[in-house]
């Protein structure tokens, strides 16, 4: 199996895992769930940071999130936000990779990526459906706590995924 095929298979497994987590994790913050599908998308990008992989991972994550959201305007918001977030995340990761990527930098990238994702999502949802509150209040009540949870999850899964990826010759 060539590296592109392995990378695509790994990305598919991570997105599928993210979907499972997305559906089984209960709401934690004011009826909102942490977006574990987003965490898996970030992990897929870190393990295979190519434009092709980013497109595939972000489109799959966007469509799955759109199909599973219960929030008004969430369908359009997920489809618009995921690819934008993914390419911003890729740029941040490639910059971080020049220094060193480890569990701590993966956590920081995940926290910042989740804040970007949540902010973009809320902005699009507000434009499409309107929300009962201000953007800053939603960021403070939902996005920031979610980003912390996402970072904690990445802290535990990144080292494991990185080791498995190196053993399988998947790292780019």
C-alpha atoms as a PDB file:
ATOM      1  CA  UNK A   1       0.000   0.000   0.000  1.00  0.00           C
ATOM      2  CA  UNK A   2       1.509   3.357  -0.958  1.00  0.00           C
ATOM      3  CA  UNK A   3       1.746   6.323   1.400  1.00  0.00           C
ATOM      4  CA  UNK A   4      -1.176   8.207  -0.192  1.00  0.00           C
ATOM      5  CA  UNK A   5      -3.460   5.210   0.219  1.00  0.00           C
ATOM      6  CA  UNK A   6      -2.330   4.696   3.827  1.00  0.00           C
ATOM      7  CA  UNK A   7      -2.858   8.385   4.541  1.00  0.00           C
ATOM      8  CA  UNK A   8      -6.351   8.341   3.033  1.00  0.00           C
ATOM      9  CA  UNK A   9      -7.227   5.199   4.993  1.00  0.00           C
ATOM     10  CA  UNK A  10      -5.953   6.741   8.234  1.00  0.00           C
ATOM     11  CA  UNK A  11      -7.876   9.961   7.590  1.00  0.00           C
ATOM     12  CA  UNK A  12     -11.032   7.962   6.884  1.00  0.00           C
ATOM     13  CA  UNK A  13     -10.656   5.982  10.108  1.00  0.00           C
ATOM     14  CA  UNK A  14     -10.039   9.153  12.141  1.00  0.00           C
ATOM     15  CA  UNK A  15     -13.060  10.935  10.637  1.00  0.00           C
ATOM     16  CA  UNK A  16     -15.216   7.835  11.267  1.00  0.00           C
ATOM     17  CA  UNK A  17     -13.955   7.691  14.847  1.00  0.00           C
ATOM     18  CA  UNK A  18     -14.730  11.390  15.200  1.00  0.00           C
ATOM     19  CA  UNK A  19     -18.258  10.724  13.988  1.00  0.00           C
ATOM     20  CA  UNK A  20     -18.724   7.971  16.576  1.00  0.00           C
ATOM     21  CA  UNK A  21     -17.389  10.224  19.346  1.00  0.00           C
ATOM     22  CA  UNK A  22     -19.551  13.065  18.028  1.00  0.00           C
ATOM     23  CA  UNK A  23     -22.683  10.955  18.373  1.00  0.00           C
ATOM     24  CA  UNK A  24     -21.997   9.267  21.724  1.00  0.00           C
ATOM     25  CA  UNK A  25     -20.549  12.144  23.765  1.00  0.00           C
ATOM     26  CA  UNK A  26     -23.313  13.863  25.731  1.00  0.00           C
ATOM     27  CA  UNK A  27     -23.789  17.646  25.721  1.00  0.00           C
ATOM     28  CA  UNK A  28     -21.517  19.312  28.278  1.00  0.00           C
ATOM     29  CA  UNK A  29     -21.984  23.071  27.968  1.00  0.00           C
ATOM     30  CA  UNK A  30     -25.496  24.567  27.845  1.00  0.00           C
ATOM     31  CA  UNK A  31     -26.706  21.703  25.653  1.00  0.00           C
ATOM     32  CA  UNK A  32     -23.689  21.947  23.328  1.00  0.00           C
ATOM     33  CA  UNK A  33     -21.206  19.122  22.721  1.00  0.00           C
ATOM     34  CA  UNK A  34     -17.475  19.376  22.234  1.00  0.00           C
ATOM     35  CA  UNK A  35     -16.790  18.750  18.547  1.00  0.00           C
ATOM     36  CA  UNK A  36     -14.686  15.602  18.713  1.00  0.00           C
ATOM     37  CA  UNK A  37     -15.029  15.223  14.963  1.00  0.00           C
ATOM     38  CA  UNK A  38     -13.047  18.463  14.731  1.00  0.00           C
ATOM     39  CA  UNK A  39     -10.315  17.032  16.984  1.00  0.00           C
ATOM     40  CA  UNK A  40     -10.037  13.988  14.730  1.00  0.00           C
ATOM     41  CA  UNK A  41      -9.885  16.254  11.663  1.00  0.00           C
ATOM     42  CA  UNK A  42      -7.008  18.162  13.297  1.00  0.00           C
ATOM     43  CA  UNK A  43      -5.234  14.895  14.091  1.00  0.00           C
ATOM     44  CA  UNK A  44      -5.649  13.700  10.494  1.00  0.00           C
ATOM     45  CA  UNK A  45      -4.120  16.969   9.275  1.00  0.00           C
ATOM     46  CA  UNK A  46      -1.174  16.698  11.681  1.00  0.00           C
ATOM     47  CA  UNK A  47      -0.452  13.115  10.636  1.00  0.00           C
ATOM     48  CA  UNK A  48      -0.760  13.863   6.919  1.00  0.00           C
ATOM     49  CA  UNK A  49      -0.379  17.613   6.289  1.00  0.00           C
ATOM     50  CA  UNK A  50      -1.088  17.700   2.553  1.00  0.00           C
ATOM     51  CA  UNK A  51      -3.586  19.884   0.712  1.00  0.00           C
ATOM     52  CA  UNK A  52      -5.312  16.791  -0.674  1.00  0.00           C
ATOM     53  CA  UNK A  53      -5.746  15.318   2.803  1.00  0.00           C
ATOM     54  CA  UNK A  54      -6.988  18.632   4.200  1.00  0.00           C
ATOM     55  CA  UNK A  55      -9.634  18.868   1.473  1.00  0.00           C
ATOM     56  CA  UNK A  56     -10.803  15.287   2.032  1.00  0.00           C
ATOM     57  CA  UNK A  57     -10.793  15.487   5.849  1.00  0.00           C
ATOM     58  CA  UNK A  58     -12.505  18.890   6.004  1.00  0.00           C
ATOM     59  CA  UNK A  59     -15.200  18.082   3.471  1.00  0.00           C
ATOM     60  CA  UNK A  60     -15.993  14.770   5.167  1.00  0.00           C
ATOM     61  CA  UNK A  61     -16.024  16.387   8.613  1.00  0.00           C
ATOM     62  CA  UNK A  62     -18.155  19.282   7.357  1.00  0.00           C
ATOM     63  CA  UNK A  63     -20.758  17.031   5.753  1.00  0.00           C
ATOM     64  CA  UNK A  64     -20.916  14.646   8.722  1.00  0.00           C
ATOM     65  CA  UNK A  65     -21.200  17.568  11.161  1.00  0.00           C
ATOM     66  CA  UNK A  66     -23.894  19.132   8.990  1.00  0.00           C
ATOM     67  CA  UNK A  67     -25.871  15.898   8.932  1.00  0.00           C
ATOM     68  CA  UNK A  68     -25.649  15.422  12.690  1.00  0.00           C
ATOM     69  CA  UNK A  69     -26.123  18.964  13.997  1.00  0.00           C
ATOM     70  CA  UNK A  70     -29.277  19.954  15.795  1.00  0.00           C
ATOM     71  CA  UNK A  71     -28.568  23.670  15.725  1.00  0.00           C
ATOM     72  CA  UNK A  72     -30.519  26.002  13.466  1.00  0.00           C
ATOM     73  CA  UNK A  73     -28.223  27.115  10.662  1.00  0.00           C
ATOM     74  CA  UNK A  74     -25.686  24.498  11.718  1.00  0.00           C
ATOM     75  CA  UNK A  75     -25.808  22.612   8.437  1.00  0.00           C
ATOM     76  CA  UNK A  76     -24.579  25.522   6.349  1.00  0.00           C
ATOM     77  CA  UNK A  77     -22.242  26.717   9.107  1.00  0.00           C
ATOM     78  CA  UNK A  78     -20.480  23.328   9.305  1.00  0.00           C
ATOM     79  CA  UNK A  79     -20.051  22.993   5.549  1.00  0.00           C
ATOM     80  CA  UNK A  80     -18.640  26.528   5.263  1.00  0.00           C
ATOM     81  CA  UNK A  81     -16.526  26.545   8.417  1.00  0.00           C
ATOM     82  CA  UNK A  82     -14.730  23.165   8.332  1.00  0.00           C
ATOM     83  CA  UNK A  83     -12.677  23.700   5.138  1.00  0.00           C
ATOM     84  CA  UNK A  84     -11.711  27.243   6.166  1.00  0.00           C
ATOM     85  CA  UNK A  85     -10.700  26.058   9.630  1.00  0.00           C
ATOM     86  CA  UNK A  86      -8.801  23.093   8.165  1.00  0.00           C
ATOM     87  CA  UNK A  87      -6.626  25.251   5.913  1.00  0.00           C
ATOM     88  CA  UNK A  88      -5.947  27.757   8.697  1.00  0.00           C
ATOM     89  CA  UNK A  89      -5.025  24.808  10.923  1.00  0.00           C
ATOM     90  CA  UNK A  90      -2.742  23.397   8.206  1.00  0.00           C
ATOM     91  CA  UNK A  91      -0.926  26.743   7.958  1.00  0.00           C
ATOM     92  CA  UNK A  92      -0.513  26.921  11.742  1.00  0.00           C
ATOM     93  CA  UNK A  93       0.710  23.314  11.854  1.00  0.00           C
ATOM     94  CA  UNK A  94       3.264  23.845   9.078  1.00  0.00           C
ATOM     95  CA  UNK A  95       4.604  26.901  10.929  1.00  0.00           C
ATOM     96  CA  UNK A  96       4.774  24.952  14.203  1.00  0.00           C
ATOM     97  CA  UNK A  97       6.434  22.021  12.441  1.00  0.00           C
ATOM     98  CA  UNK A  98       9.405  24.273  11.608  1.00  0.00           C
ATOM     99  CA  UNK A  99      10.087  24.522  15.339  1.00  0.00           C
ATOM    100  CA  UNK A 100       8.856  21.214  16.804  1.00  0.00           C
ATOM    101  CA  UNK A 101       5.527  19.494  17.098  1.00  0.00           C
ATOM    102  CA  UNK A 102       4.935  17.462  20.234  1.00  0.00           C
ATOM    103  CA  UNK A 103       1.949  16.801  22.500  1.00  0.00           C
ATOM    104  CA  UNK A 104       2.079  20.330  23.972  1.00  0.00           C
ATOM    105  CA  UNK A 105       2.182  22.118  20.622  1.00  0.00           C
ATOM    106  CA  UNK A 106      -0.536  19.754  19.329  1.00  0.00           C
ATOM    107  CA  UNK A 107      -2.681  20.831  22.303  1.00  0.00           C
ATOM    108  CA  UNK A 108      -2.058  24.532  21.643  1.00  0.00           C
ATOM    109  CA  UNK A 109      -2.827  24.117  17.941  1.00  0.00           C
ATOM    110  CA  UNK A 110      -6.031  22.246  18.828  1.00  0.00           C
ATOM    111  CA  UNK A 111      -7.161  24.908  21.303  1.00  0.00           C
ATOM    112  CA  UNK A 112      -6.531  27.731  18.816  1.00  0.00           C
ATOM    113  CA  UNK A 113      -8.039  25.705  15.949  1.00  0.00           C
ATOM    114  CA  UNK A 114     -11.155  24.974  17.988  1.00  0.00           C
ATOM    115  CA  UNK A 115     -11.563  28.661  18.865  1.00  0.00           C
ATOM    116  CA  UNK A 116     -11.241  29.556  15.163  1.00  0.00           C
ATOM    117  CA  UNK A 117     -13.692  26.813  14.212  1.00  0.00           C
ATOM    118  CA  UNK A 118     -16.232  27.765  16.873  1.00  0.00           C
ATOM    119  CA  UNK A 119     -16.019  31.458  16.044  1.00  0.00           C
ATOM    120  CA  UNK A 120     -16.455  30.860  12.317  1.00  0.00           C
ATOM    121  CA  UNK A 121     -19.308  28.440  12.993  1.00  0.00           C
ATOM    122  CA  UNK A 122     -21.127  30.952  15.200  1.00  0.00           C
ATOM    123  CA  UNK A 123     -20.594  33.811  12.746  1.00  0.00           C
ATOM    124  CA  UNK A 124     -22.082  31.785   9.875  1.00  0.00           C
ATOM    125  CA  UNK A 125     -24.923  30.460  12.059  1.00  0.00           C
ATOM    126  CA  UNK A 126     -25.731  34.023  13.171  1.00  0.00           C
ATOM    127  CA  UNK A 127     -25.877  35.168   9.546  1.00  0.00           C
ATOM    128  CA  UNK A 128     -27.982  32.209   8.436  1.00  0.00           C
ATOM    129  CA  UNK A 129     -30.363  31.653  11.347  1.00  0.00           C
ATOM    130  CA  UNK A 130     -29.656  34.256  13.980  1.00  0.00           C
ATOM    131  CA  UNK A 131     -28.797  33.304  17.530  1.00  0.00           C
ATOM    132  CA  UNK A 132     -30.335  34.442  20.813  1.00  0.00           C
ATOM    133  CA  UNK A 133     -27.268  36.192  22.203  1.00  0.00           C
ATOM    134  CA  UNK A 134     -24.037  37.870  21.275  1.00  0.00           C
ATOM    135  CA  UNK A 135     -21.071  36.325  19.536  1.00  0.00           C
ATOM    136  CA  UNK A 136     -18.806  37.078  22.509  1.00  0.00           C
ATOM    137  CA  UNK A 137     -21.183  35.451  24.987  1.00  0.00           C
ATOM    138  CA  UNK A 138     -21.309  32.252  22.921  1.00  0.00           C
ATOM    139  CA  UNK A 139     -17.530  32.239  22.539  1.00  0.00           C
ATOM    140  CA  UNK A 140     -17.091  32.628  26.292  1.00  0.00           C
ATOM    141  CA  UNK A 141     -19.774  30.135  27.311  1.00  0.00           C
ATOM    142  CA  UNK A 142     -19.266  27.458  24.657  1.00  0.00           C
ATOM    143  CA  UNK A 143     -16.238  27.905  22.398  1.00  0.00           C
ATOM    144  CA  UNK A 144     -13.562  28.503  25.057  1.00  0.00           C
ATOM    145  CA  UNK A 145     -14.645  25.601  27.336  1.00  0.00           C
ATOM    146  CA  UNK A 146     -14.954  23.350  24.276  1.00  0.00           C
ATOM    147  CA  UNK A 147     -11.480  24.325  23.107  1.00  0.00           C
ATOM    148  CA  UNK A 148     -10.036  23.376  26.501  1.00  0.00           C
ATOM    149  CA  UNK A 149     -11.752  19.969  26.412  1.00  0.00           C
ATOM    150  CA  UNK A 150     -10.556  19.459  22.831  1.00  0.00           C
ATOM    151  CA  UNK A 151      -7.009  20.330  23.871  1.00  0.00           C
ATOM    152  CA  UNK A 152      -7.113  17.847  26.738  1.00  0.00           C
ATOM    153  CA  UNK A 153      -8.335  15.116  24.418  1.00  0.00           C
ATOM    154  CA  UNK A 154      -5.535  15.897  21.944  1.00  0.00           C
ATOM    155  CA  UNK A 155      -2.989  15.765  24.787  1.00  0.00           C
ATOM    156  CA  UNK A 156      -3.829  12.096  25.301  1.00  0.00           C
ATOM    157  CA  UNK A 157      -4.394  10.933  21.726  1.00  0.00           C
ATOM    158  CA  UNK A 158      -1.617  12.765  19.847  1.00  0.00           C
ATOM    159  CA  UNK A 159       1.339  10.820  21.319  1.00  0.00           C
ATOM    160  CA  UNK A 160      -0.425   7.505  20.685  1.00  0.00           C
ATOM    161  CA  UNK A 161      -1.396   8.447  17.127  1.00  0.00           C
ATOM    162  CA  UNK A 162       2.091   9.775  16.387  1.00  0.00           C
ATOM    163  CA  UNK A 163       3.739   6.530  17.565  1.00  0.00           C
ATOM    164  CA  UNK A 164       1.351   4.389  15.538  1.00  0.00           C
ATOM    165  CA  UNK A 165       1.825   6.608  12.515  1.00  0.00           C
ATOM    166  CA  UNK A 166       5.627   6.372  12.694  1.00  0.00           C
ATOM    167  CA  UNK A 167       5.452   2.583  13.039  1.00  0.00           C
ATOM    168  CA  UNK A 168       3.281   2.436   9.926  1.00  0.00           C
ATOM    169  CA  UNK A 169       5.476   4.885   7.969  1.00  0.00           C
ATOM    170  CA  UNK A 170       2.546   7.304   7.615  1.00  0.00           C
ATOM    171  CA  UNK A 171       4.042  10.556   8.841  1.00  0.00           C
ATOM    172  CA  UNK A 172       4.615  13.112   6.127  1.00  0.00           C
END
